[in-house]
């Protein structure tokens, strides 16, 4: 089951409901809103090292 949906800033979302069944019985349900409220910000570096150049006058 999907616990987290990832996306990018500015993406268009629609409301969605995912329902999981086992032997015909609903066992899990996840609701996703088209206008979610951010609760967490994750930042990841694109590179593990930064190259620095020093300019001297």
PDB file of N, CA and C in Angstrom:
ATOM      1  N   UNK A   1       0.845  -1.181   0.000  1.00  0.00           N
ATOM      2  CA  UNK A   1       0.000   0.000   0.000  1.00  0.00           C
ATOM      3  C   UNK A   1       0.881   1.231   0.000  1.00  0.00           C
ATOM      4  N   UNK A   2       0.414   2.279  -0.583  1.00  0.00           N
ATOM      5  CA  UNK A   2       1.171   3.526  -0.669  1.00  0.00           C
ATOM      6  C   UNK A   2       1.000   4.300   0.635  1.00  0.00           C
ATOM      7  N   UNK A   3       2.109   4.536   1.335  1.00  0.00           N
ATOM      8  CA  UNK A   3       2.049   5.331   2.559  1.00  0.00           C
ATOM      9  C   UNK A   3       2.393   6.789   2.293  1.00  0.00           C
ATOM     10  N   UNK A   4       3.204   7.042   1.281  1.00  0.00           N
ATOM     11  CA  UNK A   4       3.597   8.407   0.953  1.00  0.00           C
ATOM     12  C   UNK A   4       3.570   8.587  -0.552  1.00  0.00           C
ATOM     13  N   UNK A   5       3.092   9.728  -0.980  1.00  0.00           N
ATOM     14  CA  UNK A   5       3.180  10.086  -2.386  1.00  0.00           C
ATOM     15  C   UNK A   5       4.213  11.187  -2.501  1.00  0.00           C
ATOM     16  N   UNK A   6       5.049  11.088  -3.491  1.00  0.00           N
ATOM     17  CA  UNK A   6       6.039  12.134  -3.694  1.00  0.00           C
ATOM     18  C   UNK A   6       5.682  12.903  -4.946  1.00  0.00           C
ATOM     19  N   UNK A   7       6.069  14.135  -4.965  1.00  0.00           N
ATOM     20  CA  UNK A   7       5.794  14.960  -6.125  1.00  0.00           C
ATOM     21  C   UNK A   7       6.743  16.129  -6.149  1.00  0.00           C
ATOM     22  N   UNK A   8       6.513  17.010  -7.068  1.00  0.00           N
ATOM     23  CA  UNK A   8       7.354  18.178  -7.224  1.00  0.00           C
ATOM     24  C   UNK A   8       6.503  19.424  -7.075  1.00  0.00           C
ATOM     25  N   UNK A   9       7.141  20.495  -6.636  1.00  0.00           N
ATOM     26  CA  UNK A   9       6.452  21.756  -6.422  1.00  0.00           C
ATOM     27  C   UNK A   9       5.734  22.163  -7.702  1.00  0.00           C
ATOM     28  N   UNK A  10       4.467  22.531  -7.579  1.00  0.00           N
ATOM     29  CA  UNK A  10       3.703  23.004  -8.717  1.00  0.00           C
ATOM     30  C   UNK A  10       2.971  21.920  -9.491  1.00  0.00           C
ATOM     31  N   UNK A  11       3.150  20.656  -9.089  1.00  0.00           N
ATOM     32  CA  UNK A  11       2.439  19.579  -9.784  1.00  0.00           C
ATOM     33  C   UNK A  11       0.947  19.675  -9.493  1.00  0.00           C
ATOM     34  N   UNK A  12       0.138  19.283 -10.450  1.00  0.00           N
ATOM     35  CA  UNK A  12      -1.307  19.272 -10.263  1.00  0.00           C
ATOM     36  C   UNK A  12      -1.723  17.894  -9.738  1.00  0.00           C
ATOM     37  N   UNK A  13      -2.499  17.900  -8.666  1.00  0.00           N
ATOM     38  CA  UNK A  13      -2.973  16.665  -8.042  1.00  0.00           C
ATOM     39  C   UNK A  13      -4.494  16.626  -8.096  1.00  0.00           C
ATOM     40  N   UNK A  14      -5.035  15.460  -8.050  1.00  0.00           N
ATOM     41  CA  UNK A  14      -6.478  15.265  -7.911  1.00  0.00           C
ATOM     42  C   UNK A  14      -6.714  14.445  -6.646  1.00  0.00           C
ATOM     43  N   UNK A  15      -7.939  14.559  -6.086  1.00  0.00           N
ATOM     44  CA  UNK A  15      -8.288  13.719  -4.944  1.00  0.00           C
ATOM     45  C   UNK A  15      -8.210  12.254  -5.373  1.00  0.00           C
ATOM     46  N   UNK A  16      -7.787  11.391  -4.457  1.00  0.00           N
ATOM     47  CA  UNK A  16      -7.698   9.967  -4.780  1.00  0.00           C
ATOM     48  C   UNK A  16      -7.948   9.131  -3.534  1.00  0.00           C
ATOM     49  N   UNK A  17      -8.502   7.958  -3.740  1.00  0.00           N
ATOM     50  CA  UNK A  17      -8.704   6.981  -2.668  1.00  0.00           C
ATOM     51  C   UNK A  17      -8.170   5.648  -3.178  1.00  0.00           C
ATOM     52  N   UNK A  18      -7.266   5.045  -2.414  1.00  0.00           N
ATOM     53  CA  UNK A  18      -6.746   3.717  -2.730  1.00  0.00           C
ATOM     54  C   UNK A  18      -7.293   2.759  -1.682  1.00  0.00           C
ATOM     55  N   UNK A  19      -7.919   1.697  -2.129  1.00  0.00           N
ATOM     56  CA  UNK A  19      -8.517   0.717  -1.219  1.00  0.00           C
ATOM     57  C   UNK A  19      -7.895  -0.636  -1.507  1.00  0.00           C
ATOM     58  N   UNK A  20      -7.418  -1.304  -0.460  1.00  0.00           N
ATOM     59  CA  UNK A  20      -6.831  -2.631  -0.595  1.00  0.00           C
ATOM     60  C   UNK A  20      -7.776  -3.686  -0.054  1.00  0.00           C
ATOM     61  N   UNK A  21      -7.920  -4.773  -0.803  1.00  0.00           N
ATOM     62  CA  UNK A  21      -8.814  -5.869  -0.423  1.00  0.00           C
ATOM     63  C   UNK A  21      -8.045  -7.175  -0.302  1.00  0.00           C
ATOM     64  N   UNK A  22      -8.442  -7.997   0.647  1.00  0.00           N
ATOM     65  CA  UNK A  22      -7.949  -9.363   0.774  1.00  0.00           C
ATOM     66  C   UNK A  22      -9.176 -10.256   0.915  1.00  0.00           C
ATOM     67  N   UNK A  23      -9.299 -11.203   0.035  1.00  0.00           N
ATOM     68  CA  UNK A  23     -10.455 -12.121   0.031  1.00  0.00           C
ATOM     69  C   UNK A  23     -11.779 -11.369   0.022  1.00  0.00           C
ATOM     70  N   UNK A  24     -11.835 -10.284  -0.750  1.00  0.00           N
ATOM     71  CA  UNK A  24     -13.082  -9.533  -0.880  1.00  0.00           C
ATOM     72  C   UNK A  24     -13.385  -8.576   0.256  1.00  0.00           C
ATOM     73  N   UNK A  25     -12.542  -8.550   1.283  1.00  0.00           N
ATOM     74  CA  UNK A  25     -12.760  -7.659   2.426  1.00  0.00           C
ATOM     75  C   UNK A  25     -11.801  -6.481   2.348  1.00  0.00           C
ATOM     76  N   UNK A  26     -12.319  -5.281   2.579  1.00  0.00           N
ATOM     77  CA  UNK A  26     -11.445  -4.106   2.624  1.00  0.00           C
ATOM     78  C   UNK A  26     -10.543  -4.208   3.851  1.00  0.00           C
ATOM     79  N   UNK A  27      -9.231  -4.090   3.631  1.00  0.00           N
ATOM     80  CA  UNK A  27      -8.285  -4.192   4.746  1.00  0.00           C
ATOM     81  C   UNK A  27      -7.514  -2.900   4.979  1.00  0.00           C
ATOM     82  N   UNK A  28      -7.501  -2.017   3.977  1.00  0.00           N
ATOM     83  CA  UNK A  28      -6.789  -0.757   4.154  1.00  0.00           C
ATOM     84  C   UNK A  28      -7.374   0.274   3.188  1.00  0.00           C
ATOM     85  N   UNK A  29      -7.313   1.545   3.615  1.00  0.00           N
ATOM     86  CA  UNK A  29      -7.807   2.640   2.776  1.00  0.00           C
ATOM     87  C   UNK A  29      -6.909   3.850   3.006  1.00  0.00           C
ATOM     88  N   UNK A  30      -6.506   4.478   1.915  1.00  0.00           N
ATOM     89  CA  UNK A  30      -5.705   5.700   1.991  1.00  0.00           C
ATOM     90  C   UNK A  30      -6.405   6.779   1.173  1.00  0.00           C
ATOM     91  N   UNK A  31      -6.620   7.931   1.781  1.00  0.00           N
ATOM     92  CA  UNK A  31      -7.229   9.074   1.111  1.00  0.00           C
ATOM     93  C   UNK A  31      -6.170  10.135   0.888  1.00  0.00           C
ATOM     94  N   UNK A  32      -6.149  10.698  -0.322  1.00  0.00           N
ATOM     95  CA  UNK A  32      -5.205  11.751  -0.658  1.00  0.00           C
ATOM     96  C   UNK A  32      -5.981  12.952  -1.179  1.00  0.00           C
ATOM     97  N   UNK A  33      -5.662  14.117  -0.659  1.00  0.00           N
ATOM     98  CA  UNK A  33      -6.347  15.349  -1.010  1.00  0.00           C
ATOM     99  C   UNK A  33      -5.643  16.058  -2.163  1.00  0.00           C
ATOM    100  N   UNK A  34      -6.420  16.746  -2.990  1.00  0.00           N
ATOM    101  CA  UNK A  34      -5.814  17.512  -4.086  1.00  0.00           C
ATOM    102  C   UNK A  34      -5.108  18.748  -3.557  1.00  0.00           C
ATOM    103  N   UNK A  35      -5.444  19.192  -2.358  1.00  0.00           N
ATOM    104  CA  UNK A  35      -4.815  20.370  -1.755  1.00  0.00           C
ATOM    105  C   UNK A  35      -4.206  20.010  -0.401  1.00  0.00           C
ATOM    106  N   UNK A  36      -3.194  19.150  -0.385  1.00  0.00           N
ATOM    107  CA  UNK A  36      -2.626  18.740   0.901  1.00  0.00           C
ATOM    108  C   UNK A  36      -1.877  19.887   1.570  1.00  0.00           C
ATOM    109  N   UNK A  37      -1.808  19.831   2.880  1.00  0.00           N
ATOM    110  CA  UNK A  37      -1.052  20.802   3.657  1.00  0.00           C
ATOM    111  C   UNK A  37       0.311  20.186   3.964  1.00  0.00           C
ATOM    112  N   UNK A  38       1.401  20.835   3.529  1.00  0.00           N
ATOM    113  CA  UNK A  38       2.728  20.275   3.802  1.00  0.00           C
ATOM    114  C   UNK A  38       2.972  20.148   5.307  1.00  0.00           C
ATOM    115  N   UNK A  39       3.491  19.016   5.712  1.00  0.00           N
ATOM    116  CA  UNK A  39       3.811  18.793   7.121  1.00  0.00           C
ATOM    117  C   UNK A  39       5.292  18.547   7.326  1.00  0.00           C
ATOM    118  N   UNK A  40       6.030  18.437   6.226  1.00  0.00           N
ATOM    119  CA  UNK A  40       7.442  18.092   6.327  1.00  0.00           C
ATOM    120  C   UNK A  40       8.158  18.605   5.078  1.00  0.00           C
ATOM    121  N   UNK A  41       9.397  19.026   5.248  1.00  0.00           N
ATOM    122  CA  UNK A  41      10.219  19.467   4.123  1.00  0.00           C
ATOM    123  C   UNK A  41      11.469  18.604   4.095  1.00  0.00           C
ATOM    124  N   UNK A  42      11.704  17.942   2.991  1.00  0.00           N
ATOM    125  CA  UNK A  42      12.909  17.115   2.843  1.00  0.00           C
ATOM    126  C   UNK A  42      13.824  17.778   1.824  1.00  0.00           C
ATOM    127  N   UNK A  43      15.068  17.926   2.194  1.00  0.00           N
ATOM    128  CA  UNK A  43      16.062  18.531   1.321  1.00  0.00           C
ATOM    129  C   UNK A  43      17.194  17.533   1.134  1.00  0.00           C
ATOM    130  N   UNK A  44      17.590  17.339  -0.120  1.00  0.00           N
ATOM    131  CA  UNK A  44      18.682  16.408  -0.408  1.00  0.00           C
ATOM    132  C   UNK A  44      19.686  17.105  -1.314  1.00  0.00           C
ATOM    133  N   UNK A  45      20.954  16.899  -1.019  1.00  0.00           N
ATOM    134  CA  UNK A  45      22.011  17.475  -1.849  1.00  0.00           C
ATOM    135  C   UNK A  45      22.076  16.745  -3.181  1.00  0.00           C
ATOM    136  N   UNK A  46      22.300  17.488  -4.217  1.00  0.00           N
ATOM    137  CA  UNK A  46      22.429  16.878  -5.537  1.00  0.00           C
ATOM    138  C   UNK A  46      23.774  16.173  -5.674  1.00  0.00           C
ATOM    139  N   UNK A  47      24.795  16.742  -5.059  1.00  0.00           N
ATOM    140  CA  UNK A  47      26.135  16.175  -5.077  1.00  0.00           C
ATOM    141  C   UNK A  47      26.621  16.029  -3.646  1.00  0.00           C
ATOM    142  N   UNK A  48      27.485  15.056  -3.401  1.00  0.00           N
ATOM    143  CA  UNK A  48      28.005  14.868  -2.054  1.00  0.00           C
ATOM    144  C   UNK A  48      29.151  15.817  -1.753  1.00  0.00           C
ATOM    145  N   UNK A  49      29.793  16.350  -2.790  1.00  0.00           N
ATOM    146  CA  UNK A  49      30.895  17.291  -2.592  1.00  0.00           C
ATOM    147  C   UNK A  49      30.575  18.595  -3.310  1.00  0.00           C
ATOM    148  N   UNK A  50      30.977  19.678  -2.701  1.00  0.00           N
ATOM    149  CA  UNK A  50      30.838  20.976  -3.340  1.00  0.00           C
ATOM    150  C   UNK A  50      32.210  21.449  -3.780  1.00  0.00           C
ATOM    151  N   UNK A  51      32.307  21.933  -4.985  1.00  0.00           N
ATOM    152  CA  UNK A  51      33.565  22.478  -5.483  1.00  0.00           C
ATOM    153  C   UNK A  51      33.563  23.978  -5.226  1.00  0.00           C
ATOM    154  N   UNK A  52      34.623  24.448  -4.609  1.00  0.00           N
ATOM    155  CA  UNK A  52      34.709  25.863  -4.258  1.00  0.00           C
ATOM    156  C   UNK A  52      35.871  26.486  -5.016  1.00  0.00           C
ATOM    157  N   UNK A  53      35.630  27.607  -5.645  1.00  0.00           N
ATOM    158  CA  UNK A  53      36.739  28.326  -6.259  1.00  0.00           C
ATOM    159  C   UNK A  53      36.836  29.682  -5.559  1.00  0.00           C
ATOM    160  N   UNK A  54      38.037  30.042  -5.209  1.00  0.00           N
ATOM    161  CA  UNK A  54      38.278  31.281  -4.501  1.00  0.00           C
ATOM    162  C   UNK A  54      38.838  32.284  -5.497  1.00  0.00           C
ATOM    163  N   UNK A  55      38.204  33.416  -5.580  1.00  0.00           N
ATOM    164  CA  UNK A  55      38.655  34.460  -6.485  1.00  0.00           C
ATOM    165  C   UNK A  55      39.430  35.486  -5.683  1.00  0.00           C
ATOM    166  N   UNK A  56      40.639  35.728  -6.095  1.00  0.00           N
ATOM    167  CA  UNK A  56      41.488  36.708  -5.376  1.00  0.00           C
ATOM    168  C   UNK A  56      41.671  37.942  -6.267  1.00  0.00           C
ATOM    169  N   UNK A  57      41.568  39.104  -5.653  1.00  0.00           N
ATOM    170  CA  UNK A  57      41.744  40.361  -6.398  1.00  0.00           C
ATOM    171  C   UNK A  57      43.149  40.854  -6.327  1.00  0.00           C
TER     172      UNK A  57
END
